[in-house]
Amino acid sequence: WGADLGNSSFESQVAPVYRALLDLLLLEAAESPNSAEAQVFLVKARATMEEFKAAELRDFFRDDCVDAQRERTRGLGSVSPDAAIVYPILLPGRTALLISAPGQPLELVSVPISRQVVEAEARALREQLERPATRRYLVHAQRLYDWLIRPLEASIEASGVGTLVFVPDGPLLTIPLASLHNGDHFLVEEYAVATTPGFDLVDPAAIDPEGVEALLAGISKSVDGAPPLPNVVQELRAVESLIGGQVMLDDAFIRSDLRDSLEAKNFGIVHIATHARFSARPEDTYLLAWDGRLGLDELSEDVGLFRFRDEPLELLTLSACETARGGGQRAGLGARSVLGSLWSVNDPAATALIETFYTRLMAGDSRAQALRAAQLGLMADFRYRHPAYWAPFLLIGTWL
């Protein structure tokens, strides 16, 4: 989702039109003689940003499936008094930070840092985060914090929220914003952090731990030339012990059987642990099932079944390599939220995080707070305190 958009015709031809309009609206807001007039332009800018994000998804899916999702939306204050929505908008000459907090007017802060500079910094952070033997990530994590979070600190603190939900733009899609650092703490140590392709694309509702049905699928053995994933067995058993459900492990994980199961039952959680490859090209995007590659189109169709039900899929967990980048984030359209990772993670660390996440989720925590607890749990273990282990996990979509 967006990580590879730089190669697409949408990014080169359509996105600049949206960004130019955003630039104009935000300038008008900044130059407005009073706050009421400024709000008019900020509301228009927010709506334009939401339409921009919806257009990205429509372009990827080549249909209007995102519109059904947008029809479900409600006002922020009515669904989440504990969350602020942050739109970092990267423009040629500056970065605009638009924040929407419950019960508050929209607020705009501009930082004189260009899109090109932010992109270079994000690339450097991502490269260093994946190296557990170095702390060189810190300078980049602090610099990005200074640009993207510090200008909003007073507003966030005044709002009293405990969750920050980002609608990231361009290069910010490729980094875990939870890993930004204020000099003393990571952002996730202060707030639960979630990402959404757009607030208007979110169907906000909390998970009811009572009676939630789960489908758990995974591959632990070598398939299609990929190495075995022995921890998948432990992971699925741990998740099953916490939430129960139907298990499809190894030779029981057949593509047609997965589809049949999803058609036959209203699952609240679908958890898939297997090798995967995700990119901006649907034909190069797949999960590995026992009988071959489960393509993005198939997965999107399977998950998309839930869009037309009264009880949508609450959570799609993709516990596999790099499932929170490229098409992986798009594949969850039809699920209220997706949990995935930006890069391959040490197996025991991933299993430990998943166990804590579901434990807290079933205890009544929000999805974002459950992920935060799981990340802090890894951080407290000296073996996994480096962000290479805990940072890549992203919650995308509904944070409740």
Foldseek 3Di string as FASTA:
>chain_A
DQQFCVPPPCVVPVVVVLLVLLVVLCVCLVPDPDNVSSLVSLVVSQVSLQVSLQVVLCVLVVHNLLVLLLVQADDPQVFAQQEKEWEFRAAAQWTWIWIGHHPDGIDIDIGRDHPVRLLVLLVVLLVVLLDLVDPPSQVSLQVVCVRHPVVCPVVSVVSNHQEYEYQYDRSVLLFQQQQRDNPPDGNLVRHQYAYEPGSSSANADFDDLPPAEEEEEEEQPDDPNDHGNVLSVVLSVLLCVLRNYHYQYAVSFDLVVLLVVLVPDQHQEYEYEAAWDAAQDQVRTFGATNVGTCTLVSLLVSQLVQSPDPRWHAEYEYNYAQLSDHCNQSSNRRYNKYKYFRGDADSVLSSQLSSQLSNVSSVPDWNSVSLSVSLVVLCVDVVRVRSSHNRGIHMYHHRD
